[in-house]
Amino acid sequence: MNISLEISYYPLTNKYSSPIREFIDGLGSDHRISVQLGPMSTLISGDYDTVMQVLISRLRPLMEKYPSVFTMKLSNACKISGE
């Protein structure tokens, strides 16, 4: 099953650009998913299990390193344009 996920990351630190860049670079390095960057959120699409595995592998290290807030919307009914 293919899904689309919209995610925003809010690191609760004064130097917030470094954790955000770390998060985006980590997502972009995984070619099993599609990633589209936006000014306020990132759109991720791909196979459900793959997207979830990528999120698990990317979110935990950031949350262990920085106080973090993530907001997410997940859909199996909304395709991201360009797919």
N, C-alpha and C. Protein backbone atom coordinates (compact mmCIF):
# COMPACT_ATOMS: atom_id res chain seq x y z
N MET A 1 0.84 -1.18 0.00
CA MET A 1 0.00 0.00 0.00
C MET A 1 0.89 1.24 0.00
N ASN A 2 0.63 2.16 -0.90
CA ASN A 2 1.36 3.42 -0.96
C ASN A 2 0.70 4.46 -0.06
N ILE A 3 1.52 5.29 0.56
CA ILE A 3 1.02 6.34 1.44
C ILE A 3 1.71 7.66 1.13
N SER A 4 1.10 8.72 1.60
CA SER A 4 1.70 10.05 1.59
C SER A 4 1.74 10.53 3.03
N LEU A 5 2.82 11.19 3.39
CA LEU A 5 2.98 11.68 4.75
C LEU A 5 3.51 13.10 4.70
N GLU A 6 2.88 13.99 5.44
CA GLU A 6 3.38 15.36 5.58
C GLU A 6 3.94 15.48 6.99
N ILE A 7 5.17 15.96 7.10
CA ILE A 7 5.82 16.05 8.40
C ILE A 7 6.50 17.41 8.57
N SER A 8 6.39 17.95 9.75
CA SER A 8 7.12 19.18 10.13
C SER A 8 7.93 18.86 11.37
N TYR A 9 9.13 19.38 11.43
CA TYR A 9 10.04 19.12 12.55
C TYR A 9 10.37 20.43 13.23
N TYR A 10 10.19 20.44 14.55
CA TYR A 10 10.48 21.61 15.37
C TYR A 10 11.46 21.22 16.47
N PRO A 11 12.77 21.34 16.21
CA PRO A 11 13.73 21.08 17.28
C PRO A 11 13.68 22.22 18.29
N LEU A 12 13.59 21.87 19.55
CA LEU A 12 13.47 22.89 20.61
C LEU A 12 14.85 23.26 21.12
N THR A 13 15.60 23.91 20.24
CA THR A 13 16.96 24.34 20.55
C THR A 13 17.23 25.65 19.83
N ASN A 14 18.11 26.46 20.37
CA ASN A 14 18.42 27.75 19.74
C ASN A 14 19.03 27.59 18.36
N LYS A 15 19.84 26.58 18.18
CA LYS A 15 20.48 26.33 16.88
C LYS A 15 19.67 25.27 16.14
N TYR A 16 18.45 25.64 15.75
CA TYR A 16 17.51 24.69 15.18
C TYR A 16 17.82 24.28 13.74
N SER A 17 18.59 25.07 13.01
CA SER A 17 18.83 24.75 11.60
C SER A 17 19.65 23.47 11.43
N SER A 18 20.56 23.20 12.34
CA SER A 18 21.39 22.00 12.24
C SER A 18 20.57 20.71 12.36
N PRO A 19 19.70 20.58 13.37
CA PRO A 19 18.88 19.36 13.44
C PRO A 19 17.92 19.22 12.26
N ILE A 20 17.38 20.33 11.77
CA ILE A 20 16.48 20.27 10.62
C ILE A 20 17.24 19.78 9.40
N ARG A 21 18.43 20.31 9.17
CA ARG A 21 19.25 19.88 8.03
C ARG A 21 19.61 18.40 8.16
N GLU A 22 19.94 17.97 9.37
CA GLU A 22 20.26 16.57 9.63
C GLU A 22 19.06 15.67 9.26
N PHE A 23 17.87 16.10 9.64
CA PHE A 23 16.65 15.34 9.34
C PHE A 23 16.41 15.27 7.84
N ILE A 24 16.47 16.40 7.16
CA ILE A 24 16.21 16.45 5.72
C ILE A 24 17.26 15.66 4.95
N ASP A 25 18.53 15.81 5.31
CA ASP A 25 19.59 15.07 4.63
C ASP A 25 19.40 13.56 4.80
N GLY A 26 18.98 13.15 5.99
CA GLY A 26 18.75 11.73 6.24
C GLY A 26 17.62 11.18 5.39
N LEU A 27 16.55 11.94 5.25
CA LEU A 27 15.44 11.51 4.40
C LEU A 27 15.86 11.45 2.94
N GLY A 28 16.56 12.47 2.49
CA GLY A 28 16.96 12.55 1.09
C GLY A 28 17.94 11.48 0.67
N SER A 29 18.64 10.89 1.63
CA SER A 29 19.63 9.87 1.29
C SER A 29 19.00 8.50 1.06
N ASP A 30 17.72 8.35 1.36
CA ASP A 30 17.04 7.06 1.19
C ASP A 30 16.22 7.09 -0.09
N HIS A 31 16.69 6.37 -1.10
CA HIS A 31 16.07 6.43 -2.43
C HIS A 31 14.86 5.52 -2.57
N ARG A 32 14.46 4.85 -1.49
CA ARG A 32 13.27 4.00 -1.53
C ARG A 32 11.99 4.83 -1.37
N ILE A 33 12.14 6.09 -0.96
CA ILE A 33 10.99 6.97 -0.75
C ILE A 33 11.14 8.22 -1.60
N SER A 34 10.02 8.89 -1.83
CA SER A 34 10.03 10.17 -2.53
C SER A 34 9.91 11.28 -1.49
N VAL A 35 10.75 12.30 -1.60
CA VAL A 35 10.77 13.40 -0.63
C VAL A 35 10.65 14.72 -1.38
N GLN A 36 9.68 15.54 -0.97
CA GLN A 36 9.52 16.88 -1.53
C GLN A 36 9.58 17.89 -0.40
N LEU A 37 10.53 18.80 -0.49
CA LEU A 37 10.69 19.81 0.55
C LEU A 37 9.79 21.00 0.29
N GLY A 38 9.19 21.51 1.34
CA GLY A 38 8.37 22.70 1.26
C GLY A 38 8.85 23.70 2.29
N PRO A 39 8.36 24.92 2.25
CA PRO A 39 8.82 25.94 3.19
C PRO A 39 8.42 25.65 4.64
N MET A 40 7.32 24.90 4.85
CA MET A 40 6.86 24.65 6.21
C MET A 40 6.76 23.17 6.57
N SER A 41 6.87 22.29 5.57
CA SER A 41 6.77 20.86 5.84
C SER A 41 7.46 20.09 4.73
N THR A 42 7.61 18.80 4.98
CA THR A 42 8.21 17.89 4.01
C THR A 42 7.18 16.83 3.66
N LEU A 43 7.04 16.52 2.38
CA LEU A 43 6.13 15.49 1.92
C LEU A 43 6.93 14.24 1.58
N ILE A 44 6.50 13.13 2.12
CA ILE A 44 7.17 11.85 1.89
C ILE A 44 6.13 10.90 1.32
N SER A 45 6.51 10.12 0.32
CA SER A 45 5.59 9.12 -0.21
C SER A 45 6.36 7.86 -0.54
N GLY A 46 5.61 6.76 -0.54
CA GLY A 46 6.20 5.47 -0.84
C GLY A 46 5.39 4.36 -0.22
N ASP A 47 5.96 3.17 -0.24
CA ASP A 47 5.33 2.02 0.37
C ASP A 47 5.19 2.24 1.88
N TYR A 48 4.05 1.87 2.44
CA TYR A 48 3.76 2.11 3.87
C TYR A 48 4.89 1.59 4.76
N ASP A 49 5.25 0.32 4.61
CA ASP A 49 6.28 -0.27 5.48
C ASP A 49 7.61 0.45 5.34
N THR A 50 7.96 0.80 4.12
CA THR A 50 9.23 1.50 3.88
C THR A 50 9.23 2.88 4.52
N VAL A 51 8.17 3.65 4.31
CA VAL A 51 8.08 4.98 4.91
C VAL A 51 8.18 4.89 6.43
N MET A 52 7.48 3.95 7.02
CA MET A 52 7.51 3.81 8.48
C MET A 52 8.89 3.40 8.98
N GLN A 53 9.56 2.51 8.26
CA GLN A 53 10.92 2.11 8.64
C GLN A 53 11.87 3.30 8.57
N VAL A 54 11.74 4.10 7.53
CA VAL A 54 12.59 5.28 7.39
C VAL A 54 12.32 6.25 8.55
N LEU A 55 11.06 6.47 8.88
CA LEU A 55 10.74 7.38 9.99
C LEU A 55 11.33 6.88 11.30
N ILE A 56 11.18 5.59 11.57
CA ILE A 56 11.74 5.02 12.80
C ILE A 56 13.24 5.26 12.85
N SER A 57 13.92 5.01 11.73
CA SER A 57 15.38 5.14 11.73
C SER A 57 15.85 6.59 11.78
N ARG A 58 15.03 7.54 11.35
CA ARG A 58 15.43 8.95 11.32
C ARG A 58 14.98 9.74 12.55
N LEU A 59 13.81 9.45 13.08
CA LEU A 59 13.28 10.24 14.19
C LEU A 59 13.95 9.94 15.53
N ARG A 60 14.15 8.68 15.83
CA ARG A 60 14.70 8.32 17.14
C ARG A 60 16.05 8.97 17.42
N PRO A 61 17.02 8.89 16.51
CA PRO A 61 18.31 9.53 16.80
C PRO A 61 18.19 11.03 17.05
N LEU A 62 17.32 11.70 16.32
CA LEU A 62 17.13 13.13 16.54
C LEU A 62 16.50 13.40 17.90
N MET A 63 15.53 12.57 18.28
CA MET A 63 14.86 12.76 19.56
C MET A 63 15.78 12.42 20.74
N GLU A 64 16.74 11.54 20.51
CA GLU A 64 17.72 11.24 21.56
C GLU A 64 18.74 12.36 21.71
N LYS A 65 18.95 13.10 20.64
CA LYS A 65 19.97 14.14 20.61
C LYS A 65 19.42 15.53 20.96
N TYR A 66 18.17 15.80 20.54
CA TYR A 66 17.58 17.14 20.71
C TYR A 66 16.16 17.01 21.28
N PRO A 67 15.71 17.97 22.11
CA PRO A 67 14.29 18.02 22.43
C PRO A 67 13.55 18.35 21.12
N SER A 68 12.53 17.56 20.80
CA SER A 68 11.93 17.65 19.47
C SER A 68 10.42 17.56 19.50
N VAL A 69 9.80 18.26 18.54
CA VAL A 69 8.38 18.11 18.27
C VAL A 69 8.24 17.82 16.78
N PHE A 70 7.49 16.77 16.45
CA PHE A 70 7.17 16.44 15.06
C PHE A 70 5.65 16.48 14.91
N THR A 71 5.17 17.07 13.84
CA THR A 71 3.75 16.97 13.50
C THR A 71 3.65 16.22 12.18
N MET A 72 2.68 15.29 12.10
CA MET A 72 2.56 14.46 10.91
C MET A 72 1.10 14.28 10.52
N LYS A 73 0.89 14.18 9.21
CA LYS A 73 -0.40 13.77 8.65
C LYS A 73 -0.10 12.61 7.70
N LEU A 74 -0.88 11.56 7.80
CA LEU A 74 -0.65 10.34 7.05
C LEU A 74 -1.91 9.98 6.26
N SER A 75 -1.74 9.62 4.99
CA SER A 75 -2.90 9.29 4.16
C SER A 75 -2.57 8.16 3.20
N ASN A 76 -3.54 7.28 3.00
CA ASN A 76 -3.42 6.30 1.93
C ASN A 76 -4.37 6.66 0.78
N ALA A 77 -4.98 7.85 0.86
CA ALA A 77 -5.96 8.27 -0.14
C ALA A 77 -5.55 9.53 -0.90
N CYS A 78 -4.51 10.21 -0.47
CA CYS A 78 -4.09 11.47 -1.11
C CYS A 78 -2.74 11.27 -1.78
N LYS A 79 -2.74 11.26 -3.09
CA LYS A 79 -1.47 11.15 -3.82
C LYS A 79 -0.79 12.50 -3.88
N ILE A 80 0.53 12.47 -3.81
CA ILE A 80 1.32 13.69 -3.95
C ILE A 80 1.49 13.94 -5.44
N SER A 81 1.28 15.17 -5.88
CA SER A 81 1.40 15.48 -7.30
C SER A 81 2.82 15.20 -7.77
N GLY A 82 2.92 14.69 -8.98
CA GLY A 82 4.22 14.35 -9.54
C GLY A 82 4.52 12.87 -9.42
N GLU A 83 3.66 12.11 -8.76
CA GLU A 83 3.89 10.67 -8.64
C GLU A 83 3.33 9.95 -9.84
